[in-house]
C-alpha atoms as a PDB file:
ATOM      1  CA  MET A   1      10.874 -20.633 -12.161  1.00  0.00           C
ATOM      2  CA  SER A   2      10.751 -20.209 -15.709  1.00  0.00           C
ATOM      3  CA  GLY A   3      12.474 -16.294 -17.012  1.00  0.00           C
ATOM      4  CA  ILE A   4      13.153 -15.252 -13.438  1.00  0.00           C
ATOM      5  CA  SER A   5      17.070 -14.017 -13.980  1.00  0.00           C
ATOM      6  CA  GLU A   6      19.748 -12.183 -11.719  1.00  0.00           C
ATOM      7  CA  SER A   7      21.865  -9.135 -12.496  1.00  0.00           C
ATOM      8  CA  LYS A   8      24.314  -7.436 -10.519  1.00  0.00           C
ATOM      9  CA  ASP A   9      21.157  -4.622  -9.423  1.00  0.00           C
ATOM     10  CA  GLY A  10      18.323  -7.430  -9.070  1.00  0.00           C
ATOM     11  CA  ILE A  11      16.382 -10.052  -9.896  1.00  0.00           C
ATOM     12  CA  LEU A  12      14.554  -9.872 -12.944  1.00  0.00           C
ATOM     13  CA  ILE A  13      11.536 -10.826 -14.316  1.00  0.00           C
ATOM     14  CA  PRO A  14      10.165 -10.989 -18.008  1.00  0.00           C
ATOM     15  CA  ILE A  15       6.075  -9.923 -17.830  1.00  0.00           C
ATOM     16  CA  ARG A  16       3.164  -9.891 -20.324  1.00  0.00           C
ATOM     17  CA  LEU A  17       0.807  -7.172 -19.087  1.00  0.00           C
ATOM     18  CA  SER A  18      -2.698  -7.491 -19.968  1.00  0.00           C
ATOM     19  CA  PRO A  19      -4.491  -4.577 -18.835  1.00  0.00           C
ATOM     20  CA  ARG A  20      -7.818  -3.892 -18.449  1.00  0.00           C
ATOM     21  CA  ALA A  21      -8.882  -6.823 -16.739  1.00  0.00           C
ATOM     22  CA  SER A  22     -12.078  -7.331 -14.747  1.00  0.00           C
ATOM     23  CA  LYS A  23      -9.257  -8.335 -11.623  1.00  0.00           C
ATOM     24  CA  ASP A  24      -5.466  -7.958 -10.818  1.00  0.00           C
ATOM     25  CA  ALA A  25      -4.235 -11.687 -10.694  1.00  0.00           C
ATOM     26  CA  LEU A  26      -1.088 -13.594 -11.749  1.00  0.00           C
ATOM     27  CA  LEU A  27      -1.996 -16.052 -14.728  1.00  0.00           C
ATOM     28  CA  GLY A  28       0.808 -18.336 -14.911  1.00  0.00           C
ATOM     29  CA  TRP A  29       3.847 -18.832 -17.093  1.00  0.00           C
ATOM     30  CA  ASN A  30       3.713 -18.710 -20.997  1.00  0.00           C
ATOM     31  CA  ASN A  31       6.929 -18.876 -23.009  1.00  0.00           C
ATOM     32  CA  ASP A  32       9.211 -17.913 -19.829  1.00  0.00           C
ATOM     33  CA  ARG A  33       7.083 -14.509 -19.356  1.00  0.00           C
ATOM     34  CA  LEU A  34       4.775 -14.566 -16.318  1.00  0.00           C
ATOM     35  CA  LYS A  35       1.719 -13.577 -17.878  1.00  0.00           C
ATOM     36  CA  ILE A  36      -0.034 -10.668 -15.083  1.00  0.00           C
ATOM     37  CA  SER A  37      -3.793  -8.919 -15.842  1.00  0.00           C
ATOM     38  CA  ILE A  38      -4.686  -6.004 -13.726  1.00  0.00           C
ATOM     39  CA  THR A  39      -7.841  -3.329 -14.139  1.00  0.00           C
ATOM     40  CA  SER A  40      -5.835  -0.511 -15.124  1.00  0.00           C
ATOM     41  CA  PRO A  41      -5.956   0.888 -18.124  1.00  0.00           C
ATOM     42  CA  PRO A  42      -2.778   1.351 -20.379  1.00  0.00           C
ATOM     43  CA  VAL A  43      -3.190   5.091 -20.586  1.00  0.00           C
ATOM     44  CA  ALA A  44      -0.551   7.780 -19.067  1.00  0.00           C
ATOM     45  CA  GLY A  45       1.329   4.804 -17.403  1.00  0.00           C
ATOM     46  CA  LYS A  46      -1.586   4.251 -15.254  1.00  0.00           C
ATOM     47  CA  ALA A  47      -0.921   0.254 -16.334  1.00  0.00           C
ATOM     48  CA  ASN A  48       2.657   0.393 -15.602  1.00  0.00           C
ATOM     49  CA  ALA A  49       1.894   2.244 -12.048  1.00  0.00           C
ATOM     50  CA  HIS A  50      -0.411  -0.211 -11.065  1.00  0.00           C
ATOM     51  CA  LEU A  51       1.954  -3.338 -12.226  1.00  0.00           C
ATOM     52  CA  LEU A  52       4.955  -2.072  -9.766  1.00  0.00           C
ATOM     53  CA  LYS A  53       1.991  -1.600  -6.714  1.00  0.00           C
ATOM     54  CA  PHE A  54       0.781  -5.105  -7.207  1.00  0.00           C
ATOM     55  CA  LEU A  55       3.906  -6.126  -7.829  1.00  0.00           C
ATOM     56  CA  SER A  56       5.078  -4.485  -4.289  1.00  0.00           C
ATOM     57  CA  ARG A  57       2.283  -6.069  -2.120  1.00  0.00           C
ATOM     58  CA  LEU A  58       2.573  -9.490  -4.059  1.00  0.00           C
ATOM     59  CA  LEU A  59       6.442  -9.712  -3.443  1.00  0.00           C
ATOM     60  CA  LYS A  60       6.681  -7.396  -0.100  1.00  0.00           C
ATOM     61  CA  VAL A  61       8.972  -4.696  -0.689  1.00  0.00           C
ATOM     62  CA  PRO A  62       8.647  -1.725  -1.013  1.00  0.00           C
ATOM     63  CA  ARG A  63       7.479  -0.469  -4.700  1.00  0.00           C
ATOM     64  CA  SER A  64      10.725   1.999  -4.618  1.00  0.00           C
ATOM     65  CA  ASN A  65      12.771  -1.532  -5.291  1.00  0.00           C
ATOM     66  CA  ILE A  66      10.607  -1.994  -8.010  1.00  0.00           C
ATOM     67  CA  ARG A  67      11.000  -0.411 -11.848  1.00  0.00           C
ATOM     68  CA  ILE A  68      10.802  -1.410 -15.311  1.00  0.00           C
ATOM     69  CA  LYS A  69      13.923  -2.278 -17.113  1.00  0.00           C
ATOM     70  CA  SER A  70      12.479  -2.172 -20.103  1.00  0.00           C
ATOM     71  CA  GLY A  71       9.190  -2.278 -22.271  1.00  0.00           C
ATOM     72  CA  GLU A  72       7.111   0.851 -20.609  1.00  0.00           C
ATOM     73  CA  LYS A  73       4.964   0.805 -23.478  1.00  0.00           C
ATOM     74  CA  SER A  74       4.926  -2.607 -24.674  1.00  0.00           C
ATOM     75  CA  ARG A  75       2.739  -5.612 -22.500  1.00  0.00           C
ATOM     76  CA  ASP A  76       6.258  -7.770 -22.778  1.00  0.00           C
ATOM     77  CA  LYS A  77       7.937  -5.819 -19.884  1.00  0.00           C
ATOM     78  CA  THR A  78      10.982  -6.526 -17.807  1.00  0.00           C
ATOM     79  CA  VAL A  79      10.895  -5.745 -14.318  1.00  0.00           C
ATOM     80  CA  LEU A  80      13.534  -4.878 -11.634  1.00  0.00           C
ATOM     81  CA  ILE A  81      13.040  -5.819  -8.038  1.00  0.00           C
ATOM     82  CA  GLU A  82      16.002  -5.089  -5.412  1.00  0.00           C
ATOM     83  CA  GLY A  83      16.280  -5.877  -1.819  1.00  0.00           C
ATOM     84  CA  ILE A  84      14.826  -9.997  -2.464  1.00  0.00           C
ATOM     85  CA  SER A  85      16.303 -13.141  -3.221  1.00  0.00           C
ATOM     86  CA  ARG A  86      15.934 -14.840  -6.460  1.00  0.00           C
ATOM     87  CA  GLN A  87      14.203 -17.551  -3.977  1.00  0.00           C
ATOM     88  CA  LYS A  88      12.325 -15.763  -2.032  1.00  0.00           C
ATOM     89  CA  VAL A  89      10.546 -13.998  -4.993  1.00  0.00           C
ATOM     90  CA  GLU A  90       9.855 -17.813  -6.670  1.00  0.00           C
ATOM     91  CA  GLU A  91       8.508 -18.402  -3.859  1.00  0.00           C
ATOM     92  CA  LEU A  92       5.883 -15.317  -3.796  1.00  0.00           C
ATOM     93  CA  LEU A  93       5.179 -16.442  -7.005  1.00  0.00           C
ATOM     94  CA  ARG A  94       4.202 -19.535  -6.657  1.00  0.00           C
END
């Protein structure tokens, strides 16, 4: 899959986030970034928290295994996921 990479700390996924959407959804890949829409507004970290919760459910990993590596105040983010293989991430994101 486009954009997914591995580091010594875990799996890195570049994300383009669309907050204040009508529903939470994976929108596919665009320019090597996974597009995700979420319903939370980008206020006081709510969108980031919602994104991490959404990814936790989607990838079936504990919320504590997911963190934003870069882009906390941007729509373009890189998320680090620990405790899961790249193959499993790619499988679950299809």
